[in-house]
Amino acid sequence: MAIISWDEGHGTGQDRGAEGFLNEEKVIREYAPICIAELQRHGHTLVNCTPPPNTNMTVNQSLAYRTAKANSSGSILHLCFHVNAYDDASAHGCEIEYASTSGSKYATSVLTEIHKLGFADRGIKNPRLWMTYQPSAVSILIEPFFCTNSNDCNLYNKTTLGLAIAKGILNIIGGTVTPTVVSPTIKFRKILKVTKQTACISENGSLVKIFKVGDMLTAVDEDKNWWTLLIGSVSKANTIEIKVQYGIISASNLFVRLEPHATATELGSLNKDTKVQINKIDGDWINIVYNGGFGWVFGKYVTLV
């Protein structure tokens, strides 16, 4: 496995980060550790080249410290974590800086994964920055979004961003982020609506999928600040609980179908006066909780209560 050196941009002496809707130094120290942990989980050795905090280093001394430690680490890749900023608050999106052909491959892969999170693709760039051409290893500088753009800041999620960057690296250096699907004990069924783009995380911390605003989910358990789904967990902060609605079946032997149309596969049937939990309504059809999953019934024969 590979040795990868890295540094958290800014945060020491005179070398300070940008300030906007979010603070660059704080954000870097939120998402970078998640990326590092994921790379370590795949067997790679990670070497931290960030200068110690609370020193009197100048910016040039800070850069020299990072470079010297990276060059002495024996790494084949160096990652420099940042957050972008600009005077014009309309500037937005992700971009990756590089200084070599090999660096462009890593930059493209990481950019692709970050773009999947909803950030605009600003491309890979070669501006000859110190931290891209001074390290002896292939080096990329990661600018995932603008802390001076409110929409970018609303999209930001430390877990999804950290895992996306790791996946971009693993696509090139070897290994894949393979989610572990957990089958939790079903303690209840609560309907949730996603209010902010959120990650579904497996038990071992891997990214299962991204849910977008408006998606409807079903929680089967909870743990402090997390809802447990059948495929993983989502943050309570990014969802709201929808009040459960029920209906009473008004027809005898009402078929429950796999899809919302009359010729769809029959999953079973319900007797008159059966009380059902409603998941959602789609035109003339109602999606209900049925036998541990979901099914569709014709809405004409369901009285909402």
C-alpha atoms as a PDB file:
ATOM      1  CA  MET A   1       0.000   0.000   0.000  1.00  0.00           C
ATOM      2  CA  ALA A   2       1.020   3.615  -0.553  1.00  0.00           C
ATOM      3  CA  ILE A   3       2.429   6.348   1.670  1.00  0.00           C
ATOM      4  CA  ILE A   4       0.350   9.508   1.290  1.00  0.00           C
ATOM      5  CA  SER A   5       1.388  12.819   2.864  1.00  0.00           C
ATOM      6  CA  TRP A   6      -1.122  15.570   3.512  1.00  0.00           C
ATOM      7  CA  ASP A   7      -1.636  18.944   5.132  1.00  0.00           C
ATOM      8  CA  GLU A   8      -4.535  21.042   6.328  1.00  0.00           C
ATOM      9  CA  GLY A   9      -4.115  24.350   4.511  1.00  0.00           C
ATOM     10  CA  HIS A  10      -3.536  27.418   6.721  1.00  0.00           C
ATOM     11  CA  GLY A  11      -4.152  27.618  10.466  1.00  0.00           C
ATOM     12  CA  THR A  12      -0.768  28.499  11.962  1.00  0.00           C
ATOM     13  CA  GLY A  13       1.056  31.762  12.728  1.00  0.00           C
ATOM     14  CA  GLN A  14       0.521  34.283   9.930  1.00  0.00           C
ATOM     15  CA  ASP A  15      -0.796  31.588   7.584  1.00  0.00           C
ATOM     16  CA  ARG A  16      -4.553  32.069   8.009  1.00  0.00           C
ATOM     17  CA  GLY A  17      -7.527  30.799   6.058  1.00  0.00           C
ATOM     18  CA  ALA A  18     -10.441  32.570   4.418  1.00  0.00           C
ATOM     19  CA  GLU A  19     -13.568  33.732   6.209  1.00  0.00           C
ATOM     20  CA  GLY A  20     -17.044  33.746   4.646  1.00  0.00           C
ATOM     21  CA  PHE A  21     -20.311  32.081   5.524  1.00  0.00           C
ATOM     22  CA  LEU A  22     -18.015  29.373   6.905  1.00  0.00           C
ATOM     23  CA  ASN A  23     -14.443  29.534   8.211  1.00  0.00           C
ATOM     24  CA  GLU A  24     -11.910  27.796   5.953  1.00  0.00           C
ATOM     25  CA  GLU A  25      -9.652  26.555   8.751  1.00  0.00           C
ATOM     26  CA  LYS A  26     -12.579  25.048  10.663  1.00  0.00           C
ATOM     27  CA  VAL A  27     -14.096  23.378   7.591  1.00  0.00           C
ATOM     28  CA  ILE A  28     -10.779  21.824   6.530  1.00  0.00           C
ATOM     29  CA  ARG A  29     -10.390  20.296   9.978  1.00  0.00           C
ATOM     30  CA  GLU A  30     -13.874  18.825   9.688  1.00  0.00           C
ATOM     31  CA  TYR A  31     -13.705  17.089   6.321  1.00  0.00           C
ATOM     32  CA  ALA A  32      -9.985  16.245   6.006  1.00  0.00           C
ATOM     33  CA  PRO A  33      -9.916  13.757   8.932  1.00  0.00           C
ATOM     34  CA  ILE A  34     -12.797  11.831   7.353  1.00  0.00           C
ATOM     35  CA  CYS A  35     -10.895  11.539   4.078  1.00  0.00           C
ATOM     36  CA  ILE A  36      -7.720  10.489   5.913  1.00  0.00           C
ATOM     37  CA  ALA A  37      -9.531   7.833   7.961  1.00  0.00           C
ATOM     38  CA  GLU A  38     -11.090   6.350   4.826  1.00  0.00           C
ATOM     39  CA  LEU A  39      -7.726   6.113   3.067  1.00  0.00           C
ATOM     40  CA  GLN A  40      -6.231   4.494   6.170  1.00  0.00           C
ATOM     41  CA  ARG A  41      -9.112   2.036   6.273  1.00  0.00           C
ATOM     42  CA  HIS A  42      -7.985   0.842   2.853  1.00  0.00           C
ATOM     43  CA  GLY A  43      -4.473   0.119   4.121  1.00  0.00           C
ATOM     44  CA  HIS A  44      -2.606   3.264   3.097  1.00  0.00           C
ATOM     45  CA  THR A  45      -0.131   5.057   5.389  1.00  0.00           C
ATOM     46  CA  LEU A  46      -0.969   8.730   5.960  1.00  0.00           C
ATOM     47  CA  VAL A  47       1.630  11.284   7.099  1.00  0.00           C
ATOM     48  CA  ASN A  48       0.411  14.619   8.505  1.00  0.00           C
ATOM     49  CA  CYS A  49       2.578  17.527   7.320  1.00  0.00           C
ATOM     50  CA  THR A  50       0.520  20.331   8.893  1.00  0.00           C
ATOM     51  CA  PRO A  51       2.609  22.771  10.980  1.00  0.00           C
ATOM     52  CA  PRO A  52       1.790  22.909  14.701  1.00  0.00           C
ATOM     53  CA  PRO A  53      -0.730  25.611  15.667  1.00  0.00           C
ATOM     54  CA  ASN A  54       0.032  28.706  17.714  1.00  0.00           C
ATOM     55  CA  THR A  55       3.471  29.382  16.258  1.00  0.00           C
ATOM     56  CA  ASN A  56       4.981  32.584  14.911  1.00  0.00           C
ATOM     57  CA  MET A  57       5.549  31.135  11.441  1.00  0.00           C
ATOM     58  CA  THR A  58       5.286  33.384   8.437  1.00  0.00           C
ATOM     59  CA  VAL A  59       3.370  32.142   5.412  1.00  0.00           C
ATOM     60  CA  ASN A  60       6.626  31.199   3.662  1.00  0.00           C
ATOM     61  CA  GLN A  61       7.862  29.322   6.735  1.00  0.00           C
ATOM     62  CA  SER A  62       4.554  27.464   6.934  1.00  0.00           C
ATOM     63  CA  LEU A  63       4.830  26.398   3.297  1.00  0.00           C
ATOM     64  CA  ALA A  64       8.463  25.356   3.737  1.00  0.00           C
ATOM     65  CA  TYR A  65       7.574  23.241   6.785  1.00  0.00           C
ATOM     66  CA  ARG A  66       4.848  21.395   4.878  1.00  0.00           C
ATOM     67  CA  THR A  67       7.101  20.764   1.884  1.00  0.00           C
ATOM     68  CA  ALA A  68      10.091  19.557   3.928  1.00  0.00           C
ATOM     69  CA  LYS A  69       8.004  17.099   5.925  1.00  0.00           C
ATOM     70  CA  ALA A  70       6.246  15.798   2.805  1.00  0.00           C
ATOM     71  CA  ASN A  71       9.568  15.296   1.018  1.00  0.00           C
ATOM     72  CA  SER A  72      11.040  13.388   3.969  1.00  0.00           C
ATOM     73  CA  SER A  73       8.004  11.109   4.324  1.00  0.00           C
ATOM     74  CA  GLY A  74       8.669   8.968   1.261  1.00  0.00           C
ATOM     75  CA  SER A  75       5.144   9.613   0.019  1.00  0.00           C
ATOM     76  CA  ILE A  76       4.076   9.054  -3.572  1.00  0.00           C
ATOM     77  CA  LEU A  77       1.129  11.465  -3.279  1.00  0.00           C
ATOM     78  CA  HIS A  78       0.562  14.674  -1.336  1.00  0.00           C
ATOM     79  CA  LEU A  79      -2.892  16.085  -0.571  1.00  0.00           C
ATOM     80  CA  CYS A  80      -3.340  19.736   0.357  1.00  0.00           C
ATOM     81  CA  PHE A  81      -6.811  20.435   1.780  1.00  0.00           C
ATOM     82  CA  HIS A  82      -8.359  23.877   1.346  1.00  0.00           C
ATOM     83  CA  VAL A  83     -11.638  25.757   0.866  1.00  0.00           C
ATOM     84  CA  ASN A  84     -11.958  28.431  -1.812  1.00  0.00           C
ATOM     85  CA  ALA A  85     -12.992  32.080  -1.389  1.00  0.00           C
ATOM     86  CA  TYR A  86     -13.508  35.157  -3.561  1.00  0.00           C
ATOM     87  CA  ASP A  87     -14.622  38.777  -3.180  1.00  0.00           C
ATOM     88  CA  ASP A  88     -17.513  38.149  -5.584  1.00  0.00           C
ATOM     89  CA  ALA A  89     -19.962  35.986  -3.619  1.00  0.00           C
ATOM     90  CA  SER A  90     -21.378  34.529  -6.846  1.00  0.00           C
ATOM     91  CA  ALA A  91     -18.183  32.497  -7.413  1.00  0.00           C
ATOM     92  CA  HIS A  92     -18.975  28.871  -6.654  1.00  0.00           C
ATOM     93  CA  GLY A  93     -18.051  25.266  -7.324  1.00  0.00           C
ATOM     94  CA  CYS A  94     -15.099  22.912  -6.945  1.00  0.00           C
ATOM     95  CA  GLU A  95     -11.686  22.977  -8.580  1.00  0.00           C
ATOM     96  CA  ILE A  96      -8.467  21.021  -8.080  1.00  0.00           C
ATOM     97  CA  GLU A  97      -4.950  22.367  -8.700  1.00  0.00           C
ATOM     98  CA  TYR A  98      -2.102  20.148  -9.930  1.00  0.00           C
ATOM     99  CA  ALA A  99       1.402  20.451 -11.439  1.00  0.00           C
ATOM    100  CA  SER A 100       2.078  17.253 -13.406  1.00  0.00           C
ATOM    101  CA  THR A 101       0.458  14.769 -15.767  1.00  0.00           C
ATOM    102  CA  SER A 102       0.120  12.266 -12.920  1.00  0.00           C
ATOM    103  CA  GLY A 103      -1.352  14.995 -10.752  1.00  0.00           C
ATOM    104  CA  SER A 104      -3.968  15.763 -13.393  1.00  0.00           C
ATOM    105  CA  LYS A 105      -5.249  12.181 -13.172  1.00  0.00           C
ATOM    106  CA  TYR A 106      -5.788  12.432  -9.409  1.00  0.00           C
ATOM    107  CA  ALA A 107      -7.237  15.926  -9.780  1.00  0.00           C
ATOM    108  CA  THR A 108      -9.756  14.797 -12.397  1.00  0.00           C
ATOM    109  CA  SER A 109     -10.856  11.796 -10.338  1.00  0.00           C
ATOM    110  CA  VAL A 110     -11.314  13.812  -7.135  1.00  0.00           C
ATOM    111  CA  LEU A 111     -13.119  16.603  -8.989  1.00  0.00           C
ATOM    112  CA  THR A 112     -15.531  14.081 -10.519  1.00  0.00           C
ATOM    113  CA  GLU A 113     -16.467  12.680  -7.109  1.00  0.00           C
ATOM    114  CA  ILE A 114     -16.951  16.117  -5.519  1.00  0.00           C
ATOM    115  CA  HIS A 115     -19.075  17.222  -8.486  1.00  0.00           C
ATOM    116  CA  LYS A 116     -21.411  14.277  -7.782  1.00  0.00           C
ATOM    117  CA  LEU A 117     -22.290  15.950  -4.469  1.00  0.00           C
ATOM    118  CA  GLY A 118     -23.883  18.849  -6.351  1.00  0.00           C
ATOM    119  CA  PHE A 119     -20.990  21.327  -6.513  1.00  0.00           C
ATOM    120  CA  ALA A 120     -20.365  23.000  -9.870  1.00  0.00           C
ATOM    121  CA  ASP A 121     -17.380  21.673 -11.842  1.00  0.00           C
ATOM    122  CA  ARG A 122     -14.835  24.489 -12.315  1.00  0.00           C
ATOM    123  CA  GLY A 123     -12.263  22.107 -13.760  1.00  0.00           C
ATOM    124  CA  ILE A 124      -8.703  21.127 -12.894  1.00  0.00           C
ATOM    125  CA  LYS A 125      -6.095  23.892 -13.040  1.00  0.00           C
ATOM    126  CA  ASN A 126      -2.323  24.259 -13.176  1.00  0.00           C
ATOM    127  CA  PRO A 127      -1.476  27.669 -11.649  1.00  0.00           C
ATOM    128  CA  ARG A 128       1.976  26.593 -10.301  1.00  0.00           C
ATOM    129  CA  LEU A 129       1.136  26.924  -6.640  1.00  0.00           C
ATOM    130  CA  TRP A 130       3.898  26.216  -4.127  1.00  0.00           C
ATOM    131  CA  MET A 131       2.193  23.154  -2.658  1.00  0.00           C
ATOM    132  CA  THR A 132       1.600  21.569  -6.059  1.00  0.00           C
ATOM    133  CA  TYR A 133       5.103  21.833  -7.528  1.00  0.00           C
ATOM    134  CA  GLN A 134       7.486  21.931  -4.512  1.00  0.00           C
ATOM    135  CA  PRO A 135       6.716  18.503  -2.988  1.00  0.00           C
ATOM    136  CA  SER A 136       8.712  15.723  -4.653  1.00  0.00           C
ATOM    137  CA  ALA A 137       5.614  13.518  -4.687  1.00  0.00           C
ATOM    138  CA  VAL A 138       2.686  14.033  -7.028  1.00  0.00           C
ATOM    139  CA  SER A 139       0.643  16.760  -5.337  1.00  0.00           C
ATOM    140  CA  ILE A 140      -2.871  18.131  -5.661  1.00  0.00           C
ATOM    141  CA  LEU A 141      -4.488  21.060  -3.886  1.00  0.00           C
ATOM    142  CA  ILE A 142      -8.181  20.553  -3.226  1.00  0.00           C
ATOM    143  CA  GLU A 143     -10.621  23.502  -3.341  1.00  0.00           C
ATOM    144  CA  PRO A 144     -13.970  21.707  -2.913  1.00  0.00           C
ATOM    145  CA  PHE A 145     -16.233  24.773  -2.661  1.00  0.00           C
ATOM    146  CA  PHE A 146     -16.366  28.505  -1.870  1.00  0.00           C
ATOM    147  CA  CYS A 147     -16.901  29.488   1.756  1.00  0.00           C
ATOM    148  CA  THR A 148     -17.989  32.893   0.403  1.00  0.00           C
ATOM    149  CA  ASN A 149     -20.952  31.418  -1.525  1.00  0.00           C
ATOM    150  CA  SER A 150     -24.088  30.630   0.477  1.00  0.00           C
ATOM    151  CA  ASN A 151     -25.333  27.880  -1.850  1.00  0.00           C
ATOM    152  CA  ASP A 152     -21.990  26.067  -1.710  1.00  0.00           C
ATOM    153  CA  CYS A 153     -22.008  26.325   2.080  1.00  0.00           C
ATOM    154  CA  ASN A 154     -25.505  24.859   2.227  1.00  0.00           C
ATOM    155  CA  LEU A 155     -24.349  21.908   0.108  1.00  0.00           C
ATOM    156  CA  TYR A 156     -21.353  21.250   2.342  1.00  0.00           C
ATOM    157  CA  ASN A 157     -21.423  18.108   4.479  1.00  0.00           C
ATOM    158  CA  LYS A 158     -18.162  17.068   6.108  1.00  0.00           C
ATOM    159  CA  THR A 159     -18.831  13.327   5.831  1.00  0.00           C
ATOM    160  CA  THR A 160     -19.923  13.209   2.206  1.00  0.00           C
ATOM    161  CA  LEU A 161     -17.129  15.559   1.157  1.00  0.00           C
ATOM    162  CA  GLY A 162     -14.416  13.662   3.002  1.00  0.00           C
ATOM    163  CA  LEU A 163     -15.570  10.323   1.606  1.00  0.00           C
ATOM    164  CA  ALA A 164     -15.913  11.729  -1.921  1.00  0.00           C
ATOM    165  CA  ILE A 165     -12.308  12.948  -1.922  1.00  0.00           C
ATOM    166  CA  ALA A 166     -11.125   9.585  -0.591  1.00  0.00           C
ATOM    167  CA  LYS A 167     -13.032   7.778  -3.327  1.00  0.00           C
ATOM    168  CA  GLY A 168     -11.421   9.987  -5.959  1.00  0.00           C
ATOM    169  CA  ILE A 169      -7.972   9.038  -4.637  1.00  0.00           C
ATOM    170  CA  LEU A 170      -8.831   5.347  -4.323  1.00  0.00           C
ATOM    171  CA  ASN A 171     -10.069   5.298  -7.918  1.00  0.00           C
ATOM    172  CA  ILE A 172      -6.446   5.908  -8.975  1.00  0.00           C
ATOM    173  CA  ILE A 173      -4.269   4.526  -6.206  1.00  0.00           C
ATOM    174  CA  GLY A 174      -6.251   1.353  -5.645  1.00  0.00           C
ATOM    175  CA  GLY A 175      -9.164   0.152  -3.550  1.00  0.00           C
ATOM    176  CA  THR A 176     -12.804   1.105  -3.575  1.00  0.00           C
ATOM    177  CA  VAL A 177     -15.184   2.421  -0.966  1.00  0.00           C
ATOM    178  CA  THR A 178     -17.422  -0.605  -0.498  1.00  0.00           C
ATOM    179  CA  PRO A 179     -20.423   0.115   1.733  1.00  0.00           C
ATOM    180  CA  THR A 180     -21.441  -2.455   4.305  1.00  0.00           C
ATOM    181  CA  VAL A 181     -25.209  -2.803   4.353  1.00  0.00           C
ATOM    182  CA  VAL A 182     -26.550  -3.387   7.847  1.00  0.00           C
ATOM    183  CA  SER A 183     -29.869  -5.057   8.611  1.00  0.00           C
ATOM    184  CA  PRO A 184     -31.001  -3.331  11.814  1.00  0.00           C
ATOM    185  CA  THR A 185     -33.720  -4.414  14.198  1.00  0.00           C
ATOM    186  CA  ILE A 186     -36.983  -2.753  13.160  1.00  0.00           C
ATOM    187  CA  LYS A 187     -38.289  -0.935  16.256  1.00  0.00           C
ATOM    188  CA  PHE A 188     -40.726   1.372  14.438  1.00  0.00           C
ATOM    189  CA  ARG A 189     -41.429   2.941  11.059  1.00  0.00           C
ATOM    190  CA  LYS A 190     -41.241   6.721  10.891  1.00  0.00           C
ATOM    191  CA  ILE A 191     -41.583   8.661   7.655  1.00  0.00           C
ATOM    192  CA  LEU A 192     -38.871  11.277   7.087  1.00  0.00           C
ATOM    193  CA  LYS A 193     -38.459  14.036   4.532  1.00  0.00           C
ATOM    194  CA  VAL A 194     -34.969  15.227   3.556  1.00  0.00           C
ATOM    195  CA  THR A 195     -34.613  19.000   4.104  1.00  0.00           C
ATOM    196  CA  LYS A 196     -30.895  19.294   3.253  1.00  0.00           C
ATOM    197  CA  GLN A 197     -28.819  17.053   1.004  1.00  0.00           C
ATOM    198  CA  THR A 198     -27.553  14.333   3.295  1.00  0.00           C
ATOM    199  CA  ALA A 199     -25.415  11.231   3.264  1.00  0.00           C
ATOM    200  CA  CYS A 200     -26.536   7.758   4.199  1.00  0.00           C
ATOM    201  CA  ILE A 201     -23.639   6.217   6.120  1.00  0.00           C
ATOM    202  CA  SER A 202     -23.049   2.515   6.746  1.00  0.00           C
ATOM    203  CA  GLU A 203     -22.134   1.075  10.147  1.00  0.00           C
ATOM    204  CA  ASN A 204     -18.411   1.181   9.295  1.00  0.00           C
ATOM    205  CA  GLY A 205     -18.549   4.817   8.160  1.00  0.00           C
ATOM    206  CA  SER A 206     -18.640   4.295   4.393  1.00  0.00           C
ATOM    207  CA  LEU A 207     -20.906   6.294   2.102  1.00  0.00           C
ATOM    208  CA  VAL A 208     -23.943   4.280   0.962  1.00  0.00           C
ATOM    209  CA  LYS A 209     -25.678   6.985  -1.073  1.00  0.00           C
ATOM    210  CA  ILE A 210     -26.646  10.657  -1.156  1.00  0.00           C
ATOM    211  CA  PHE A 211     -30.258  11.692  -0.556  1.00  0.00           C
ATOM    212  CA  LYS A 212     -31.437  14.955  -2.112  1.00  0.00           C
ATOM    213  CA  VAL A 213     -33.849  17.520  -0.715  1.00  0.00           C
ATOM    214  CA  GLY A 214     -37.434  16.241  -0.873  1.00  0.00           C
ATOM    215  CA  ASP A 215     -36.589  12.526  -0.761  1.00  0.00           C
ATOM    216  CA  MET A 216     -38.862  10.494   1.500  1.00  0.00           C
ATOM    217  CA  LEU A 217     -37.234   7.944   3.814  1.00  0.00           C
ATOM    218  CA  THR A 218     -38.383   5.397   6.380  1.00  0.00           C
ATOM    219  CA  ALA A 219     -36.539   5.200   9.708  1.00  0.00           C
ATOM    220  CA  VAL A 220     -36.692   1.934  11.653  1.00  0.00           C
ATOM    221  CA  ASP A 221     -34.612   2.972  14.693  1.00  0.00           C
ATOM    222  CA  GLU A 222     -32.708   5.946  16.082  1.00  0.00           C
ATOM    223  CA  ASP A 223     -29.449   6.662  17.912  1.00  0.00           C
ATOM    224  CA  LYS A 224     -28.993  10.130  19.420  1.00  0.00           C
ATOM    225  CA  ASN A 225     -28.531  12.440  16.389  1.00  0.00           C
ATOM    226  CA  TRP A 226     -29.074   9.754  13.747  1.00  0.00           C
ATOM    227  CA  TRP A 227     -32.022   7.995  12.150  1.00  0.00           C
ATOM    228  CA  THR A 228     -31.406   4.355  11.251  1.00  0.00           C
ATOM    229  CA  LEU A 229     -32.689   3.187   7.855  1.00  0.00           C
ATOM    230  CA  LEU A 230     -32.562  -0.338   6.481  1.00  0.00           C
ATOM    231  CA  ILE A 231     -29.457   0.555   4.445  1.00  0.00           C
ATOM    232  CA  GLY A 232     -27.602   2.851   6.854  1.00  0.00           C
ATOM    233  CA  SER A 233     -28.031   6.025   8.911  1.00  0.00           C
ATOM    234  CA  VAL A 234     -28.832   9.679   8.164  1.00  0.00           C
ATOM    235  CA  SER A 235     -28.450  12.802  10.273  1.00  0.00           C
ATOM    236  CA  LYS A 236     -31.563  14.001  12.096  1.00  0.00           C
ATOM    237  CA  ALA A 237     -30.428  17.577  11.430  1.00  0.00           C
ATOM    238  CA  ASN A 238     -31.014  17.121   7.688  1.00  0.00           C
ATOM    239  CA  THR A 239     -34.487  15.568   7.907  1.00  0.00           C
ATOM    240  CA  ILE A 240     -37.892  16.220   9.408  1.00  0.00           C
ATOM    241  CA  GLU A 241     -40.327  13.633  10.671  1.00  0.00           C
ATOM    242  CA  ILE A 242     -43.603  13.525   8.760  1.00  0.00           C
ATOM    243  CA  LYS A 243     -46.722  12.913  10.806  1.00  0.00           C
ATOM    244  CA  VAL A 244     -47.946   9.414  10.103  1.00  0.00           C
ATOM    245  CA  GLN A 245     -51.241   9.239   8.215  1.00  0.00           C
ATOM    246  CA  TYR A 246     -53.570   6.260   8.272  1.00  0.00           C
ATOM    247  CA  GLY A 247     -56.438   4.990   6.186  1.00  0.00           C
ATOM    248  CA  ILE A 248     -59.236   2.446   6.504  1.00  0.00           C
ATOM    249  CA  ILE A 249     -59.876  -0.029   3.694  1.00  0.00           C
ATOM    250  CA  SER A 250     -63.480   0.335   2.477  1.00  0.00           C
ATOM    251  CA  ALA A 251     -63.598  -2.563  -0.008  1.00  0.00           C
ATOM    252  CA  SER A 252     -63.555  -6.314   0.522  1.00  0.00           C
ATOM    253  CA  ASN A 253     -60.446  -8.166  -0.656  1.00  0.00           C
ATOM    254  CA  LEU A 254     -58.607  -5.058  -1.925  1.00  0.00           C
ATOM    255  CA  PHE A 255     -55.491  -6.042  -3.878  1.00  0.00           C
ATOM    256  CA  VAL A 256     -52.096  -4.658  -2.860  1.00  0.00           C
ATOM    257  CA  ARG A 257     -49.864  -4.236  -5.908  1.00  0.00           C
ATOM    258  CA  LEU A 258     -46.148  -3.822  -6.537  1.00  0.00           C
ATOM    259  CA  GLU A 259     -46.629  -0.712  -8.701  1.00  0.00           C
ATOM    260  CA  PRO A 260     -49.392   1.932  -9.016  1.00  0.00           C
ATOM    261  CA  HIS A 261     -51.415   0.446 -11.857  1.00  0.00           C
ATOM    262  CA  ALA A 262     -54.149  -2.174 -12.178  1.00  0.00           C
ATOM    263  CA  THR A 263     -52.045  -4.769 -14.021  1.00  0.00           C
ATOM    264  CA  ALA A 264     -49.085  -4.671 -11.619  1.00  0.00           C
ATOM    265  CA  THR A 265     -48.005  -7.773  -9.709  1.00  0.00           C
ATOM    266  CA  GLU A 266     -50.266  -8.614  -6.764  1.00  0.00           C
ATOM    267  CA  LEU A 267     -48.499  -8.693  -3.400  1.00  0.00           C
ATOM    268  CA  GLY A 268     -51.600  -9.783  -1.496  1.00  0.00           C
ATOM    269  CA  SER A 269     -54.956  -8.400  -0.430  1.00  0.00           C
ATOM    270  CA  LEU A 270     -56.572  -6.579   2.490  1.00  0.00           C
ATOM    271  CA  ASN A 271     -59.941  -7.111   4.128  1.00  0.00           C
ATOM    272  CA  LYS A 272     -62.516  -4.388   4.619  1.00  0.00           C
ATOM    273  CA  ASP A 273     -61.971  -2.155   7.685  1.00  0.00           C
ATOM    274  CA  THR A 274     -58.234  -2.917   7.817  1.00  0.00           C
ATOM    275  CA  LYS A 275     -56.248   0.062   9.108  1.00  0.00           C
ATOM    276  CA  VAL A 276     -53.162   0.859   7.014  1.00  0.00           C
ATOM    277  CA  GLN A 277     -50.263   3.308   7.352  1.00  0.00           C
ATOM    278  CA  ILE A 278     -49.932   5.597   4.357  1.00  0.00           C
ATOM    279  CA  ASN A 279     -46.507   6.316   2.921  1.00  0.00           C
ATOM    280  CA  LYS A 280     -47.476   8.625   0.037  1.00  0.00           C
ATOM    281  CA  ILE A 281     -50.260   9.413  -2.419  1.00  0.00           C
ATOM    282  CA  ASP A 282     -49.654   9.442  -6.176  1.00  0.00           C
ATOM    283  CA  GLY A 283     -52.733  10.416  -8.178  1.00  0.00           C
ATOM    284  CA  ASP A 284     -55.409   7.719  -7.835  1.00  0.00           C
ATOM    285  CA  TRP A 285     -53.052   5.374  -5.998  1.00  0.00           C
ATOM    286  CA  ILE A 286     -51.873   5.214  -2.397  1.00  0.00           C
ATOM    287  CA  ASN A 287     -48.598   3.689  -1.248  1.00  0.00           C
ATOM    288  CA  ILE A 288     -48.969   1.885   2.088  1.00  0.00           C
ATOM    289  CA  VAL A 289     -46.765   0.012   4.548  1.00  0.00           C
ATOM    290  CA  TYR A 290     -47.344  -3.661   3.823  1.00  0.00           C
ATOM    291  CA  ASN A 291     -45.692  -6.849   5.128  1.00  0.00           C
ATOM    292  CA  GLY A 292     -42.454  -5.137   6.153  1.00  0.00           C
ATOM    293  CA  GLY A 293     -42.237  -3.176   2.913  1.00  0.00           C
ATOM    294  CA  PHE A 294     -44.541  -1.099   0.742  1.00  0.00           C
ATOM    295  CA  GLY A 295     -47.354  -1.711  -1.704  1.00  0.00           C
ATOM    296  CA  TRP A 296     -49.928   0.184  -3.762  1.00  0.00           C
ATOM    297  CA  VAL A 297     -53.720   0.192  -3.402  1.00  0.00           C
ATOM    298  CA  PHE A 298     -56.386   2.034  -5.378  1.00  0.00           C
ATOM    299  CA  GLY A 299     -57.144   5.224  -3.447  1.00  0.00           C
ATOM    300  CA  LYS A 300     -60.890   5.099  -4.109  1.00  0.00           C
ATOM    301  CA  TYR A 301     -61.177   2.309  -1.574  1.00  0.00           C
ATOM    302  CA  VAL A 302     -59.175   3.961   1.221  1.00  0.00           C
ATOM    303  CA  THR A 303     -60.782   6.376   3.684  1.00  0.00           C
ATOM    304  CA  LEU A 304     -58.201   8.710   5.215  1.00  0.00           C
ATOM    305  CA  VAL A 305     -58.374   9.081   8.989  1.00  0.00           C
END
